[in-house]
Structures are given as structure tokens and as C-alpha cells.
Amino acid sequence: DATVIGTTTQRITRFARCPVLTVVRKAKPEVEKHDARKREELV
């Protein structure tokens, strides 16, 4: 019942030696599926 952000973002924000700007986007399953498909197509 909660939202989370990815471990890569968490680790970068936690350990970076400079400020970190995190640009957030609300969870949208259909967008995540589209992004995964598009990445594969691009490559």
C-alpha cells in the first residue's frame, strides 16, 4: 500500500558526494511496460 523508488536511485542519492536532483514520476504500470518494450526496440 506504499510507493517506493528504485534501489539505484536510493543508492545514488544516499552515497553521492554532491547534491542529487531526483526527478520523480508517479507509478504507471502501462508506462513501465512501454518503457521496457521501447528499450528493447532501440537496442
ModelCIF file with pLDDT and N, C-alpha, C, O atoms, coordinates in Angstrom:
data_MODEL
#
_entry.id   MODEL 
#
_entity.id                         1 
_entity.type                       polymer 
_entity.pdbx_number_of_molecules   1 
#
_entity_poly.entity_id                      1 
_entity_poly.type                           'polypeptide(L)' 
_entity_poly.nstd_linkage                   no 
_entity_poly.nstd_monomer                   no 
_entity_poly.pdbx_seq_one_letter_code       DATVIGTTTQRITRFARCPVLTVVRKAKPEVEKHDARKREELV 
_entity_poly.pdbx_seq_one_letter_code_can   DATVIGTTTQRITRFARCPVLTVVRKAKPEVEKHDARKREELV 
_entity_poly.pdbx_strand_id                 A 
#
loop_
_entity_poly_seq.entity_id 
_entity_poly_seq.num 
_entity_poly_seq.mon_id 
_entity_poly_seq.hetero 
1 1  ASP n 
1 2  ALA n 
1 3  THR n 
1 4  VAL n 
1 5  ILE n 
1 6  GLY n 
1 7  THR n 
1 8  THR n 
1 9  THR n 
1 10 GLN n 
1 11 ARG n 
1 12 ILE n 
1 13 THR n 
1 14 ARG n 
1 15 PHE n 
1 16 ALA n 
1 17 ARG n 
1 18 CYS n 
1 19 PRO n 
1 20 VAL n 
1 21 LEU n 
1 22 THR n 
1 23 VAL n 
1 24 VAL n 
1 25 ARG n 
1 26 LYS n 
1 27 ALA n 
1 28 LYS n 
1 29 PRO n 
1 30 GLU n 
1 31 VAL n 
1 32 GLU n 
1 33 LYS n 
1 34 HIS n 
1 35 ASP n 
1 36 ALA n 
1 37 ARG n 
1 38 LYS n 
1 39 ARG n 
1 40 GLU n 
1 41 GLU n 
1 42 LEU n 
1 43 VAL n 
#
_struct_asym.id          A 
_struct_asym.entity_id   1 
#
loop_
_ma_qa_metric.id 
_ma_qa_metric.mode 
_ma_qa_metric.name 
_ma_qa_metric.software_group_id 
_ma_qa_metric.type 
1 global pLDDT . pLDDT 
2 local  pLDDT . pLDDT 
#
_ma_qa_metric_global.metric_id      1 
_ma_qa_metric_global.metric_value   67.86 
_ma_qa_metric_global.model_id       1 
_ma_qa_metric_global.ordinal_id     1 
#
loop_
_ma_qa_metric_local.label_asym_id 
_ma_qa_metric_local.label_comp_id 
_ma_qa_metric_local.label_seq_id 
_ma_qa_metric_local.metric_id 
_ma_qa_metric_local.metric_value 
_ma_qa_metric_local.model_id 
_ma_qa_metric_local.ordinal_id 
A ASP 1  2 46.00 1 1  
A ALA 2  2 44.00 1 2  
A THR 3  2 43.00 1 3  
A VAL 4  2 49.00 1 4  
A ILE 5  2 58.00 1 5  
A GLY 6  2 70.00 1 6  
A THR 7  2 80.00 1 7  
A THR 8  2 84.00 1 8  
A THR 9  2 85.00 1 9  
A GLN 10 2 83.00 1 10 
A ARG 11 2 86.00 1 11 
A ILE 12 2 90.00 1 12 
A THR 13 2 87.00 1 13 
A ARG 14 2 85.00 1 14 
A PHE 15 2 88.00 1 15 
A ALA 16 2 91.00 1 16 
A ARG 17 2 89.00 1 17 
A CYS 18 2 93.00 1 18 
A PRO 19 2 94.00 1 19 
A VAL 20 2 95.00 1 20 
A LEU 21 2 96.00 1 21 
A THR 22 2 95.00 1 22 
A VAL 23 2 93.00 1 23 
A VAL 24 2 86.00 1 24 
A ARG 25 2 77.00 1 25 
A LYS 26 2 68.00 1 26 
A ALA 27 2 55.00 1 27 
A LYS 28 2 52.00 1 28 
A PRO 29 2 50.00 1 29 
A GLU 30 2 51.00 1 30 
A VAL 31 2 47.00 1 31 
A GLU 32 2 49.00 1 32 
A LYS 33 2 53.00 1 33 
A HIS 34 2 50.00 1 34 
A ASP 35 2 49.00 1 35 
A ALA 36 2 51.00 1 36 
A ARG 37 2 55.00 1 37 
A LYS 38 2 51.00 1 38 
A ARG 39 2 48.00 1 39 
A GLU 40 2 53.00 1 40 
A GLU 41 2 53.00 1 41 
A LEU 42 2 48.00 1 42 
A VAL 43 2 48.00 1 43 
#
loop_
_atom_site.group_PDB 
_atom_site.id 
_atom_site.type_symbol 
_atom_site.label_atom_id 
_atom_site.label_alt_id 
_atom_site.label_comp_id 
_atom_site.label_asym_id 
_atom_site.label_entity_id 
_atom_site.label_seq_id 
_atom_site.pdbx_PDB_ins_code 
_atom_site.Cartn_x 
_atom_site.Cartn_y 
_atom_site.Cartn_z 
_atom_site.occupancy 
_atom_site.B_iso_or_equiv 
_atom_site.pdbx_formal_charge 
_atom_site.auth_seq_id 
_atom_site.auth_comp_id 
_atom_site.auth_asym_id 
_atom_site.auth_atom_id 
_atom_site.pdbx_PDB_model_num 
ATOM 1   N N  . ASP A 1 1  ? 0.825  -1.209 0.000   1.00 46.00 ? 1  ASP A N  1 
ATOM 2   C CA . ASP A 1 1  ? 0.000  0.000  0.000   1.00 46.00 ? 1  ASP A CA 1 
ATOM 3   C C  . ASP A 1 1  ? 0.857  1.256  0.000   1.00 46.00 ? 1  ASP A C  1 
ATOM 4   O O  . ASP A 1 1  ? 0.362  2.338  0.316   1.00 46.00 ? 1  ASP A O  1 
ATOM 5   N N  . ALA A 1 2  ? 2.134  1.133  -0.348  1.00 44.00 ? 2  ALA A N  1 
ATOM 6   C CA . ALA A 1 2  ? 3.031  2.285  -0.344  1.00 44.00 ? 2  ALA A CA 1 
ATOM 7   C C  . ALA A 1 2  ? 3.749  2.374  -1.684  1.00 44.00 ? 2  ALA A C  1 
ATOM 8   O O  . ALA A 1 2  ? 3.704  1.443  -2.489  1.00 44.00 ? 2  ALA A O  1 
ATOM 9   N N  . THR A 1 3  ? 4.405  3.493  -1.912  1.00 43.00 ? 3  THR A N  1 
ATOM 10  C CA . THR A 1 3  ? 5.216  3.636  -3.118  1.00 43.00 ? 3  THR A CA 1 
ATOM 11  C C  . THR A 1 3  ? 6.686  3.598  -2.732  1.00 43.00 ? 3  THR A C  1 
ATOM 12  O O  . THR A 1 3  ? 7.069  4.019  -1.641  1.00 43.00 ? 3  THR A O  1 
ATOM 13  N N  . VAL A 1 4  ? 7.494  3.091  -3.638  1.00 49.00 ? 4  VAL A N  1 
ATOM 14  C CA . VAL A 1 4  ? 8.925  3.020  -3.396  1.00 49.00 ? 4  VAL A CA 1 
ATOM 15  C C  . VAL A 1 4  ? 9.647  3.555  -4.627  1.00 49.00 ? 4  VAL A C  1 
ATOM 16  O O  . VAL A 1 4  ? 9.059  3.659  -5.704  1.00 49.00 ? 4  VAL A O  1 
ATOM 17  N N  . ILE A 1 5  ? 10.915 3.889  -4.465  1.00 58.00 ? 5  ILE A N  1 
ATOM 18  C CA . ILE A 1 5  ? 11.748 4.250  -5.600  1.00 58.00 ? 5  ILE A CA 1 
ATOM 19  C C  . ILE A 1 5  ? 12.833 3.203  -5.728  1.00 58.00 ? 5  ILE A C  1 
ATOM 20  O O  . ILE A 1 5  ? 13.152 2.508  -4.763  1.00 58.00 ? 5  ILE A O  1 
ATOM 21  N N  . GLY A 1 6  ? 13.401 3.088  -6.919  1.00 70.00 ? 6  GLY A N  1 
ATOM 22  C CA . GLY A 1 6  ? 14.339 2.020  -7.207  1.00 70.00 ? 6  GLY A CA 1 
ATOM 23  C C  . GLY A 1 6  ? 15.599 2.075  -6.372  1.00 70.00 ? 6  GLY A C  1 
ATOM 24  O O  . GLY A 1 6  ? 15.980 3.129  -5.862  1.00 70.00 ? 6  GLY A O  1 
ATOM 25  N N  . THR A 1 7  ? 16.243 0.924  -6.239  1.00 80.00 ? 7  THR A N  1 
ATOM 26  C CA . THR A 1 7  ? 17.457 0.838  -5.422  1.00 80.00 ? 7  THR A CA 1 
ATOM 27  C C  . THR A 1 7  ? 18.605 1.641  -6.028  1.00 80.00 ? 7  THR A C  1 
ATOM 28  O O  . THR A 1 7  ? 19.443 2.170  -5.298  1.00 80.00 ? 7  THR A O  1 
ATOM 29  N N  . THR A 1 8  ? 18.648 1.737  -7.358  1.00 84.00 ? 8  THR A N  1 
ATOM 30  C CA . THR A 1 8  ? 19.710 2.539  -7.972  1.00 84.00 ? 8  THR A CA 1 
ATOM 31  C C  . THR A 1 8  ? 19.591 3.992  -7.553  1.00 84.00 ? 8  THR A C  1 
ATOM 32  O O  . THR A 1 8  ? 20.581 4.615  -7.170  1.00 84.00 ? 8  THR A O  1 
ATOM 33  N N  . THR A 1 9  ? 18.382 4.534  -7.625  1.00 85.00 ? 9  THR A N  1 
ATOM 34  C CA . THR A 1 9  ? 18.146 5.915  -7.202  1.00 85.00 ? 9  THR A CA 1 
ATOM 35  C C  . THR A 1 9  ? 18.458 6.092  -5.724  1.00 85.00 ? 9  THR A C  1 
ATOM 36  O O  . THR A 1 9  ? 19.097 7.070  -5.336  1.00 85.00 ? 9  THR A O  1 
ATOM 37  N N  . GLN A 1 10 ? 18.014 5.161  -4.907  1.00 83.00 ? 10 GLN A N  1 
ATOM 38  C CA . GLN A 1 10 ? 18.273 5.236  -3.467  1.00 83.00 ? 10 GLN A CA 1 
ATOM 39  C C  . GLN A 1 10 ? 19.763 5.287  -3.177  1.00 83.00 ? 10 GLN A C  1 
ATOM 40  O O  . GLN A 1 10 ? 20.216 6.114  -2.386  1.00 83.00 ? 10 GLN A O  1 
ATOM 41  N N  . ARG A 1 11 ? 20.518 4.416  -3.805  1.00 86.00 ? 11 ARG A N  1 
ATOM 42  C CA . ARG A 1 11 ? 21.949 4.339  -3.522  1.00 86.00 ? 11 ARG A CA 1 
ATOM 43  C C  . ARG A 1 11 ? 22.689 5.575  -4.015  1.00 86.00 ? 11 ARG A C  1 
ATOM 44  O O  . ARG A 1 11 ? 23.586 6.076  -3.338  1.00 86.00 ? 11 ARG A O  1 
ATOM 45  N N  . ILE A 1 12 ? 22.317 6.063  -5.185  1.00 90.00 ? 12 ILE A N  1 
ATOM 46  C CA . ILE A 1 12 ? 22.967 7.269  -5.694  1.00 90.00 ? 12 ILE A CA 1 
ATOM 47  C C  . ILE A 1 12 ? 22.685 8.441  -4.783  1.00 90.00 ? 12 ILE A C  1 
ATOM 48  O O  . ILE A 1 12 ? 23.591 9.205  -4.451  1.00 90.00 ? 12 ILE A O  1 
ATOM 49  N N  . THR A 1 13 ? 21.436 8.592  -4.375  1.00 87.00 ? 13 THR A N  1 
ATOM 50  C CA . THR A 1 13 ? 21.061 9.703  -3.509  1.00 87.00 ? 13 THR A CA 1 
ATOM 51  C C  . THR A 1 13 ? 21.708 9.568  -2.135  1.00 87.00 ? 13 THR A C  1 
ATOM 52  O O  . THR A 1 13 ? 22.063 10.564 -1.506  1.00 87.00 ? 13 THR A O  1 
ATOM 53  N N  . ARG A 1 14 ? 21.855 8.347  -1.684  1.00 85.00 ? 14 ARG A N  1 
ATOM 54  C CA . ARG A 1 14 ? 22.419 8.114  -0.346  1.00 85.00 ? 14 ARG A CA 1 
ATOM 55  C C  . ARG A 1 14 ? 23.924 8.366  -0.286  1.00 85.00 ? 14 ARG A C  1 
ATOM 56  O O  . ARG A 1 14 ? 24.424 8.897  0.705   1.00 85.00 ? 14 ARG A O  1 
ATOM 57  N N  . PHE A 1 15 ? 24.652 7.986  -1.349  1.00 88.00 ? 15 PHE A N  1 
ATOM 58  C CA . PHE A 1 15 ? 26.110 7.981  -1.270  1.00 88.00 ? 15 PHE A CA 1 
ATOM 59  C C  . PHE A 1 15 ? 26.805 9.028  -2.130  1.00 88.00 ? 15 PHE A C  1 
ATOM 60  O O  . PHE A 1 15 ? 28.029 9.147  -2.073  1.00 88.00 ? 15 PHE A O  1 
ATOM 61  N N  . ALA A 1 16 ? 26.064 9.784  -2.918  1.00 91.00 ? 16 ALA A N  1 
ATOM 62  C CA . ALA A 1 16 ? 26.703 10.777 -3.788  1.00 91.00 ? 16 ALA A CA 1 
ATOM 63  C C  . ALA A 1 16 ? 27.465 11.816 -2.968  1.00 91.00 ? 16 ALA A C  1 
ATOM 64  O O  . ALA A 1 16 ? 27.044 12.194 -1.875  1.00 91.00 ? 16 ALA A O  1 
ATOM 65  N N  . ARG A 1 17 ? 28.582 12.264 -3.511  1.00 89.00 ? 17 ARG A N  1 
ATOM 66  C CA . ARG A 1 17 ? 29.400 13.267 -2.840  1.00 89.00 ? 17 ARG A CA 1 
ATOM 67  C C  . ARG A 1 17 ? 29.069 14.680 -3.315  1.00 89.00 ? 17 ARG A C  1 
ATOM 68  O O  . ARG A 1 17 ? 29.790 15.634 -3.023  1.00 89.00 ? 17 ARG A O  1 
ATOM 69  N N  . CYS A 1 18 ? 27.972 14.792 -4.047  1.00 93.00 ? 18 CYS A N  1 
ATOM 70  C CA . CYS A 1 18 ? 27.483 16.091 -4.492  1.00 93.00 ? 18 CYS A CA 1 
ATOM 71  C C  . CYS A 1 18 ? 25.961 16.069 -4.396  1.00 93.00 ? 18 CYS A C  1 
ATOM 72  O O  . CYS A 1 18 ? 25.390 14.993 -4.220  1.00 93.00 ? 18 CYS A O  1 
ATOM 73  N N  . PRO A 1 19 ? 25.285 17.195 -4.504  1.00 94.00 ? 19 PRO A N  1 
ATOM 74  C CA . PRO A 1 19 ? 23.825 17.202 -4.465  1.00 94.00 ? 19 PRO A CA 1 
ATOM 75  C C  . PRO A 1 19 ? 23.227 16.338 -5.574  1.00 94.00 ? 19 PRO A C  1 
ATOM 76  O O  . PRO A 1 19 ? 23.822 16.170 -6.638  1.00 94.00 ? 19 PRO A O  1 
ATOM 77  N N  . VAL A 1 20 ? 22.050 15.799 -5.308  1.00 95.00 ? 20 VAL A N  1 
ATOM 78  C CA . VAL A 1 20 ? 21.349 14.953 -6.279  1.00 95.00 ? 20 VAL A CA 1 
ATOM 79  C C  . VAL A 1 20 ? 19.946 15.500 -6.494  1.00 95.00 ? 20 VAL A C  1 
ATOM 80  O O  . VAL A 1 20 ? 19.187 15.689 -5.543  1.00 95.00 ? 20 VAL A O  1 
ATOM 81  N N  . LEU A 1 21 ? 19.613 15.752 -7.757  1.00 96.00 ? 21 LEU A N  1 
ATOM 82  C CA . LEU A 1 21 ? 18.255 16.156 -8.116  1.00 96.00 ? 21 LEU A CA 1 
ATOM 83  C C  . LEU A 1 21 ? 17.518 14.912 -8.588  1.00 96.00 ? 21 LEU A C  1 
ATOM 84  O O  . LEU A 1 21 ? 17.865 14.330 -9.616  1.00 96.00 ? 21 LEU A O  1 
ATOM 85  N N  . THR A 1 22 ? 16.497 14.506 -7.834  1.00 95.00 ? 22 THR A N  1 
ATOM 86  C CA . THR A 1 22 ? 15.694 13.343 -8.192  1.00 95.00 ? 22 THR A CA 1 
ATOM 87  C C  . THR A 1 22 ? 14.399 13.824 -8.835  1.00 95.00 ? 22 THR A C  1 
ATOM 88  O O  . THR A 1 22 ? 13.581 14.485 -8.196  1.00 95.00 ? 22 THR A O  1 
ATOM 89  N N  . VAL A 1 23 ? 14.227 13.483 -10.105 1.00 93.00 ? 23 VAL A N  1 
ATOM 90  C CA . VAL A 1 23 ? 13.023 13.850 -10.849 1.00 93.00 ? 23 VAL A CA 1 
ATOM 91  C C  . VAL A 1 23 ? 12.080 12.663 -10.784 1.00 93.00 ? 23 VAL A C  1 
ATOM 92  O O  . VAL A 1 23 ? 12.359 11.617 -11.370 1.00 93.00 ? 23 VAL A O  1 
ATOM 93  N N  . VAL A 1 24 ? 10.972 12.812 -10.081 1.00 86.00 ? 24 VAL A N  1 
ATOM 94  C CA . VAL A 1 24 ? 10.099 11.684 -9.790  1.00 86.00 ? 24 VAL A CA 1 
ATOM 95  C C  . VAL A 1 24 ? 8.922  11.623 -10.756 1.00 86.00 ? 24 VAL A C  1 
ATOM 96  O O  . VAL A 1 24 ? 8.473  12.635 -11.293 1.00 86.00 ? 24 VAL A O  1 
ATOM 97  N N  . ARG A 1 25 ? 8.447  10.416 -10.952 1.00 77.00 ? 25 ARG A N  1 
ATOM 98  C CA . ARG A 1 25 ? 7.281  10.175 -11.798 1.00 77.00 ? 25 ARG A CA 1 
ATOM 99  C C  . ARG A 1 25 ? 6.408  9.156  -11.088 1.00 77.00 ? 25 ARG A C  1 
ATOM 100 O O  . ARG A 1 25 ? 6.898  8.137  -10.600 1.00 77.00 ? 25 ARG A O  1 
ATOM 101 N N  . LYS A 1 26 ? 5.115  9.434  -11.033 1.00 68.00 ? 26 LYS A N  1 
ATOM 102 C CA . LYS A 1 26 ? 4.196  8.534  -10.358 1.00 68.00 ? 26 LYS A CA 1 
ATOM 103 C C  . LYS A 1 26 ? 4.156  7.174  -11.046 1.00 68.00 ? 26 LYS A C  1 
ATOM 104 O O  . LYS A 1 26 ? 4.381  7.056  -12.250 1.00 68.00 ? 26 LYS A O  1 
ATOM 105 N N  . ALA A 1 27 ? 3.863  6.155  -10.248 1.00 55.00 ? 27 ALA A N  1 
ATOM 106 C CA . ALA A 1 27 ? 3.819  4.787  -10.760 1.00 55.00 ? 27 ALA A CA 1 
ATOM 107 C C  . ALA A 1 27 ? 2.685  4.618  -11.769 1.00 55.00 ? 27 ALA A C  1 
ATOM 108 O O  . ALA A 1 27 ? 1.526  4.913  -11.476 1.00 55.00 ? 27 ALA A O  1 
ATOM 109 N N  . LYS A 1 28 ? 3.045  4.132  -12.974 1.00 52.00 ? 28 LYS A N  1 
ATOM 110 C CA . LYS A 1 28 ? 2.066  3.850  -14.016 1.00 52.00 ? 28 LYS A CA 1 
ATOM 111 C C  . LYS A 1 28 ? 2.503  2.560  -14.714 1.00 52.00 ? 28 LYS A C  1 
ATOM 112 O O  . LYS A 1 28 ? 3.398  2.582  -15.559 1.00 52.00 ? 28 LYS A O  1 
ATOM 113 N N  . PRO A 1 29 ? 1.873  1.442  -14.362 1.00 50.00 ? 29 PRO A N  1 
ATOM 114 C CA . PRO A 1 29 ? 2.303  0.157  -14.919 1.00 50.00 ? 29 PRO A CA 1 
ATOM 115 C C  . PRO A 1 29 ? 2.358  0.147  -16.439 1.00 50.00 ? 29 PRO A C  1 
ATOM 116 O O  . PRO A 1 29 ? 3.262  -0.456 -17.019 1.00 50.00 ? 29 PRO A O  1 
ATOM 117 N N  . GLU A 1 30 ? 1.400  0.809  -17.097 1.00 51.00 ? 30 GLU A N  1 
ATOM 118 C CA . GLU A 1 30 ? 1.399  0.789  -18.561 1.00 51.00 ? 30 GLU A CA 1 
ATOM 119 C C  . GLU A 1 30 ? 2.609  1.532  -19.127 1.00 51.00 ? 30 GLU A C  1 
ATOM 120 O O  . GLU A 1 30 ? 3.130  1.166  -20.181 1.00 51.00 ? 30 GLU A O  1 
ATOM 121 N N  . VAL A 1 31 ? 3.059  2.593  -18.416 1.00 47.00 ? 31 VAL A N  1 
ATOM 122 C CA . VAL A 1 31 ? 4.241  3.328  -18.861 1.00 47.00 ? 31 VAL A CA 1 
ATOM 123 C C  . VAL A 1 31 ? 5.491  2.479  -18.673 1.00 47.00 ? 31 VAL A C  1 
ATOM 124 O O  . VAL A 1 31 ? 6.372  2.466  -19.533 1.00 47.00 ? 31 VAL A O  1 
ATOM 125 N N  . GLU A 1 32 ? 5.570  1.772  -17.552 1.00 49.00 ? 32 GLU A N  1 
ATOM 126 C CA . GLU A 1 32 ? 6.725  0.918  -17.309 1.00 49.00 ? 32 GLU A CA 1 
ATOM 127 C C  . GLU A 1 32 ? 6.846  -0.164 -18.389 1.00 49.00 ? 32 GLU A C  1 
ATOM 128 O O  . GLU A 1 32 ? 7.949  -0.451 -18.854 1.00 49.00 ? 32 GLU A O  1 
ATOM 129 N N  . LYS A 1 33 ? 5.709  -0.770 -18.793 1.00 53.00 ? 33 LYS A N  1 
ATOM 130 C CA . LYS A 1 33 ? 5.737  -1.786 -19.843 1.00 53.00 ? 33 LYS A CA 1 
ATOM 131 C C  . LYS A 1 33 ? 6.169  -1.177 -21.175 1.00 53.00 ? 33 LYS A C  1 
ATOM 132 O O  . LYS A 1 33 ? 6.940  -1.774 -21.926 1.00 53.00 ? 33 LYS A O  1 
ATOM 133 N N  . HIS A 1 34 ? 5.655  0.026  -21.454 1.00 50.00 ? 34 HIS A N  1 
ATOM 134 C CA . HIS A 1 34 ? 6.033  0.706  -22.697 1.00 50.00 ? 34 HIS A CA 1 
ATOM 135 C C  . HIS A 1 34 ? 7.529  1.005  -22.711 1.00 50.00 ? 34 HIS A C  1 
ATOM 136 O O  . HIS A 1 34 ? 8.195  0.807  -23.728 1.00 50.00 ? 34 HIS A O  1 
ATOM 137 N N  . ASP A 1 35 ? 8.061  1.484  -21.578 1.00 49.00 ? 35 ASP A N  1 
ATOM 138 C CA . ASP A 1 35 ? 9.485  1.814  -21.492 1.00 49.00 ? 35 ASP A CA 1 
ATOM 139 C C  . ASP A 1 35 ? 10.345 0.577  -21.726 1.00 49.00 ? 35 ASP A C  1 
ATOM 140 O O  . ASP A 1 35 ? 11.344 0.636  -22.443 1.00 49.00 ? 35 ASP A O  1 
ATOM 141 N N  . ALA A 1 36 ? 9.957  -0.543 -21.120 1.00 51.00 ? 36 ALA A N  1 
ATOM 142 C CA . ALA A 1 36 ? 10.729 -1.776 -21.275 1.00 51.00 ? 36 ALA A CA 1 
ATOM 143 C C  . ALA A 1 36 ? 10.721 -2.229 -22.735 1.00 51.00 ? 36 ALA A C  1 
ATOM 144 O O  . ALA A 1 36 ? 11.752 -2.640 -23.266 1.00 51.00 ? 36 ALA A O  1 
ATOM 145 N N  . ARG A 1 37 ? 9.569  -2.155 -23.374 1.00 55.00 ? 37 ARG A N  1 
ATOM 146 C CA . ARG A 1 37 ? 9.467  -2.554 -24.775 1.00 55.00 ? 37 ARG A CA 1 
ATOM 147 C C  . ARG A 1 37 ? 10.283 -1.620 -25.668 1.00 55.00 ? 37 ARG A C  1 
ATOM 148 O O  . ARG A 1 37 ? 10.956 -2.068 -26.596 1.00 55.00 ? 37 ARG A O  1 
ATOM 149 N N  . LYS A 1 38 ? 10.217 -0.308 -25.379 1.00 51.00 ? 38 LYS A N  1 
ATOM 150 C CA . LYS A 1 38 ? 10.936 0.672  -26.189 1.00 51.00 ? 38 LYS A CA 1 
ATOM 151 C C  . LYS A 1 38 ? 12.447 0.498  -26.062 1.00 51.00 ? 38 LYS A C  1 
ATOM 152 O O  . LYS A 1 38 ? 13.170 0.614  -27.051 1.00 51.00 ? 38 LYS A O  1 
ATOM 153 N N  . ARG A 1 39 ? 12.929 0.217  -24.840 1.00 48.00 ? 39 ARG A N  1 
ATOM 154 C CA . ARG A 1 39 ? 14.361 -0.014 -24.655 1.00 48.00 ? 39 ARG A CA 1 
ATOM 155 C C  . ARG A 1 39 ? 14.850 -1.164 -25.518 1.00 48.00 ? 39 ARG A C  1 
ATOM 156 O O  . ARG A 1 39 ? 15.900 -1.082 -26.156 1.00 48.00 ? 39 ARG A O  1 
ATOM 157 N N  . GLU A 1 40 ? 14.071 -2.235 -25.526 1.00 53.00 ? 40 GLU A N  1 
ATOM 158 C CA . GLU A 1 40 ? 14.456 -3.393 -26.315 1.00 53.00 ? 40 GLU A CA 1 
ATOM 159 C C  . GLU A 1 40 ? 14.449 -3.073 -27.806 1.00 53.00 ? 40 GLU A C  1 
ATOM 160 O O  . GLU A 1 40 ? 15.333 -3.512 -28.542 1.00 53.00 ? 40 GLU A O  1 
ATOM 161 N N  . GLU A 1 41 ? 13.460 -2.311 -28.249 1.00 53.00 ? 41 GLU A N  1 
ATOM 162 C CA . GLU A 1 41 ? 13.383 -1.927 -29.659 1.00 53.00 ? 41 GLU A CA 1 
ATOM 163 C C  . GLU A 1 41 ? 14.569 -1.050 -30.056 1.00 53.00 ? 41 GLU A C  1 
ATOM 164 O O  . GLU A 1 41 ? 15.156 -1.237 -31.122 1.00 53.00 ? 41 GLU A O  1 
ATOM 165 N N  . LEU A 1 42 ? 14.919 -0.094 -29.195 1.00 48.00 ? 42 LEU A N  1 
ATOM 166 C CA . LEU A 1 42 ? 16.022 0.806  -29.516 1.00 48.00 ? 42 LEU A CA 1 
ATOM 167 C C  . LEU A 1 42 ? 17.326 0.044  -29.712 1.00 48.00 ? 42 LEU A C  1 
ATOM 168 O O  . LEU A 1 42 ? 18.104 0.332  -30.622 1.00 48.00 ? 42 LEU A O  1 
ATOM 169 N N  . VAL A 1 43 ? 17.545 -0.929 -28.841 1.00 48.00 ? 43 VAL A N  1 
ATOM 170 C CA . VAL A 1 43 ? 18.805 -1.668 -28.891 1.00 48.00 ? 43 VAL A CA 1 
ATOM 171 C C  . VAL A 1 43 ? 18.817 -2.678 -30.029 1.00 48.00 ? 43 VAL A C  1 
ATOM 172 O O  . VAL A 1 43 ? 19.806 -3.387 -30.215 1.00 48.00 ? 43 VAL A O  1 
#
